[in-house]
C-alpha atoms as a PDB file:
ATOM      1  CA  UNK A   1    -163.104   1.871  84.144  1.00  0.00           C
ATOM      2  CA  UNK A   2    -160.001  -0.152  83.426  1.00  0.00           C
ATOM      3  CA  UNK A   3    -159.410  -1.151  87.119  1.00  0.00           C
ATOM      4  CA  UNK A   4    -162.926  -3.120  87.432  1.00  0.00           C
ATOM      5  CA  UNK A   5    -161.759  -6.816  87.771  1.00  0.00           C
ATOM      6  CA  UNK A   6    -165.197  -7.828  86.291  1.00  0.00           C
ATOM      7  CA  UNK A   7    -164.368  -5.613  82.878  1.00  0.00           C
ATOM      8  CA  UNK A   8    -164.243  -8.142  80.112  1.00  0.00           C
ATOM      9  CA  UNK A   9    -162.254  -6.568  77.232  1.00  0.00           C
ATOM     10  CA  UNK A  10    -161.505  -9.614  75.215  1.00  0.00           C
ATOM     11  CA  UNK A  11    -158.963 -10.408  72.771  1.00  0.00           C
ATOM     12  CA  UNK A  12    -157.990  -9.850  69.635  1.00  0.00           C
ATOM     13  CA  UNK A  13    -154.937 -10.362  67.113  1.00  0.00           C
ATOM     14  CA  UNK A  14    -153.017  -7.361  66.675  1.00  0.00           C
ATOM     15  CA  UNK A  15    -150.737  -7.780  64.091  1.00  0.00           C
ATOM     16  CA  UNK A  16    -148.483 -10.448  62.138  1.00  0.00           C
ATOM     17  CA  UNK A  17    -145.404 -10.448  63.646  1.00  0.00           C
ATOM     18  CA  UNK A  18    -144.007 -12.102  60.442  1.00  0.00           C
ATOM     19  CA  UNK A  19    -143.954  -9.392  58.250  1.00  0.00           C
ATOM     20  CA  UNK A  20    -142.099  -7.441  60.602  1.00  0.00           C
ATOM     21  CA  UNK A  21    -138.959 -10.029  60.631  1.00  0.00           C
ATOM     22  CA  UNK A  22    -137.001  -8.149  58.975  1.00  0.00           C
ATOM     23  CA  UNK A  23    -136.791  -5.204  61.156  1.00  0.00           C
ATOM     24  CA  UNK A  24    -136.694  -6.973  64.503  1.00  0.00           C
ATOM     25  CA  UNK A  25    -133.854  -8.835  63.004  1.00  0.00           C
ATOM     26  CA  UNK A  26    -131.915  -5.401  63.579  1.00  0.00           C
ATOM     27  CA  UNK A  27    -133.414  -4.615  66.495  1.00  0.00           C
ATOM     28  CA  UNK A  28    -131.709  -5.630  69.978  1.00  0.00           C
ATOM     29  CA  UNK A  29    -133.256  -6.833  73.069  1.00  0.00           C
ATOM     30  CA  UNK A  30    -132.138  -6.808  76.977  1.00  0.00           C
ATOM     31  CA  UNK A  31    -131.105 -10.654  77.785  1.00  0.00           C
ATOM     32  CA  UNK A  32    -132.095 -11.296  81.096  1.00  0.00           C
ATOM     33  CA  UNK A  33    -129.781 -13.977  81.394  1.00  0.00           C
ATOM     34  CA  UNK A  34    -126.671 -12.755  80.466  1.00  0.00           C
ATOM     35  CA  UNK A  35    -126.185  -9.014  80.227  1.00  0.00           C
ATOM     36  CA  UNK A  36    -122.885  -9.567  77.981  1.00  0.00           C
ATOM     37  CA  UNK A  37    -124.622 -11.130  75.017  1.00  0.00           C
ATOM     38  CA  UNK A  38    -126.524  -9.459  72.475  1.00  0.00           C
ATOM     39  CA  UNK A  39    -129.489 -10.730  71.129  1.00  0.00           C
ATOM     40  CA  UNK A  40    -131.679  -9.631  68.399  1.00  0.00           C
ATOM     41  CA  UNK A  41    -135.834  -9.564  68.900  1.00  0.00           C
ATOM     42  CA  UNK A  42    -135.369 -12.535  65.824  1.00  0.00           C
ATOM     43  CA  UNK A  43    -133.188 -14.197  68.048  1.00  0.00           C
ATOM     44  CA  UNK A  44    -135.163 -13.781  71.136  1.00  0.00           C
ATOM     45  CA  UNK A  45    -138.707 -15.035  69.436  1.00  0.00           C
ATOM     46  CA  UNK A  46    -136.725 -18.291  67.871  1.00  0.00           C
ATOM     47  CA  UNK A  47    -135.183 -18.845  71.019  1.00  0.00           C
ATOM     48  CA  UNK A  48    -138.881 -18.768  72.882  1.00  0.00           C
ATOM     49  CA  UNK A  49    -137.626 -16.573  75.418  1.00  0.00           C
ATOM     50  CA  UNK A  50    -140.822 -15.346  76.061  1.00  0.00           C
ATOM     51  CA  UNK A  51    -143.619 -16.813  78.321  1.00  0.00           C
ATOM     52  CA  UNK A  52    -147.319 -17.537  77.005  1.00  0.00           C
ATOM     53  CA  UNK A  53    -150.063 -19.644  77.034  1.00  0.00           C
ATOM     54  CA  UNK A  54    -152.034 -21.477  74.567  1.00  0.00           C
ATOM     55  CA  UNK A  55    -155.544 -20.272  74.274  1.00  0.00           C
ATOM     56  CA  UNK A  56    -157.387 -22.293  71.408  1.00  0.00           C
ATOM     57  CA  UNK A  57    -156.722 -25.091  69.572  1.00  0.00           C
ATOM     58  CA  UNK A  58    -158.356 -25.523  66.106  1.00  0.00           C
ATOM     59  CA  UNK A  59    -161.690 -27.453  66.692  1.00  0.00           C
ATOM     60  CA  UNK A  60    -164.625 -27.955  64.934  1.00  0.00           C
ATOM     61  CA  UNK A  61    -166.408 -25.322  66.545  1.00  0.00           C
ATOM     62  CA  UNK A  62    -163.653 -22.649  66.339  1.00  0.00           C
ATOM     63  CA  UNK A  63    -163.756 -22.144  70.065  1.00  0.00           C
ATOM     64  CA  UNK A  64    -161.278 -21.083  72.566  1.00  0.00           C
ATOM     65  CA  UNK A  65    -160.821 -23.579  75.351  1.00  0.00           C
ATOM     66  CA  UNK A  66    -162.270 -21.328  78.182  1.00  0.00           C
ATOM     67  CA  UNK A  67    -165.602 -21.603  75.603  1.00  0.00           C
ATOM     68  CA  UNK A  68    -165.790 -25.370  75.584  1.00  0.00           C
ATOM     69  CA  UNK A  69    -168.377 -26.539  77.860  1.00  0.00           C
ATOM     70  CA  UNK A  70    -166.197 -29.063  80.246  1.00  0.00           C
ATOM     71  CA  UNK A  71    -163.323 -25.874  80.651  1.00  0.00           C
ATOM     72  CA  UNK A  72    -166.209 -23.074  81.044  1.00  0.00           C
ATOM     73  CA  UNK A  73    -166.624 -22.889  84.390  1.00  0.00           C
ATOM     74  CA  UNK A  74    -163.286 -24.378  85.568  1.00  0.00           C
ATOM     75  CA  UNK A  75    -160.256 -22.058  84.815  1.00  0.00           C
ATOM     76  CA  UNK A  76    -157.817 -24.039  86.690  1.00  0.00           C
ATOM     77  CA  UNK A  77    -158.849 -27.253  84.214  1.00  0.00           C
ATOM     78  CA  UNK A  78    -158.593 -24.931  81.067  1.00  0.00           C
ATOM     79  CA  UNK A  79    -155.182 -23.912  82.192  1.00  0.00           C
ATOM     80  CA  UNK A  80    -154.098 -27.476  82.349  1.00  0.00           C
ATOM     81  CA  UNK A  81    -155.429 -28.403  79.129  1.00  0.00           C
ATOM     82  CA  UNK A  82    -153.544 -25.485  77.408  1.00  0.00           C
ATOM     83  CA  UNK A  83    -150.387 -27.090  79.547  1.00  0.00           C
ATOM     84  CA  UNK A  84    -150.977 -30.533  77.739  1.00  0.00           C
ATOM     85  CA  UNK A  85    -151.867 -29.176  74.361  1.00  0.00           C
ATOM     86  CA  UNK A  86    -147.948 -27.625  74.900  1.00  0.00           C
ATOM     87  CA  UNK A  87    -146.517 -30.690  75.781  1.00  0.00           C
ATOM     88  CA  UNK A  88    -148.350 -32.482  72.972  1.00  0.00           C
ATOM     89  CA  UNK A  89    -147.193 -30.234  70.609  1.00  0.00           C
ATOM     90  CA  UNK A  90    -143.262 -30.462  72.436  1.00  0.00           C
ATOM     91  CA  UNK A  91    -143.401 -34.171  71.878  1.00  0.00           C
ATOM     92  CA  UNK A  92    -144.763 -33.815  67.920  1.00  0.00           C
ATOM     93  CA  UNK A  93    -141.632 -31.361  67.422  1.00  0.00           C
ATOM     94  CA  UNK A  94    -139.115 -33.258  69.562  1.00  0.00           C
ATOM     95  CA  UNK A  95    -140.265 -35.931  67.006  1.00  0.00           C
ATOM     96  CA  UNK A  96    -139.295 -34.420  63.624  1.00  0.00           C
ATOM     97  CA  UNK A  97    -135.506 -34.493  64.796  1.00  0.00           C
ATOM     98  CA  UNK A  98    -133.806 -37.855  64.236  1.00  0.00           C
ATOM     99  CA  UNK A  99    -130.485 -38.454  66.214  1.00  0.00           C
END
């Protein structure tokens, strides 16, 4: 049953978005912040107008964050680690630019 909260569905990569970029660049998406402006899906992804969580970082064990021993029993700590990784990536990306 899909309503069972104990049911584990797992995670899998569905498709590669890069192959669809030419198609998505021509399709419009609804802009929640401004009804008058038009955005393509390509612009929407480039401006990062979506919500996401980091679930994995490259590591020796090829494990997801919640599979690592220190985060396996503590979902809140895993989420905080995810946010720390996001923050580190933001700092690295910001340091690439010179003003």
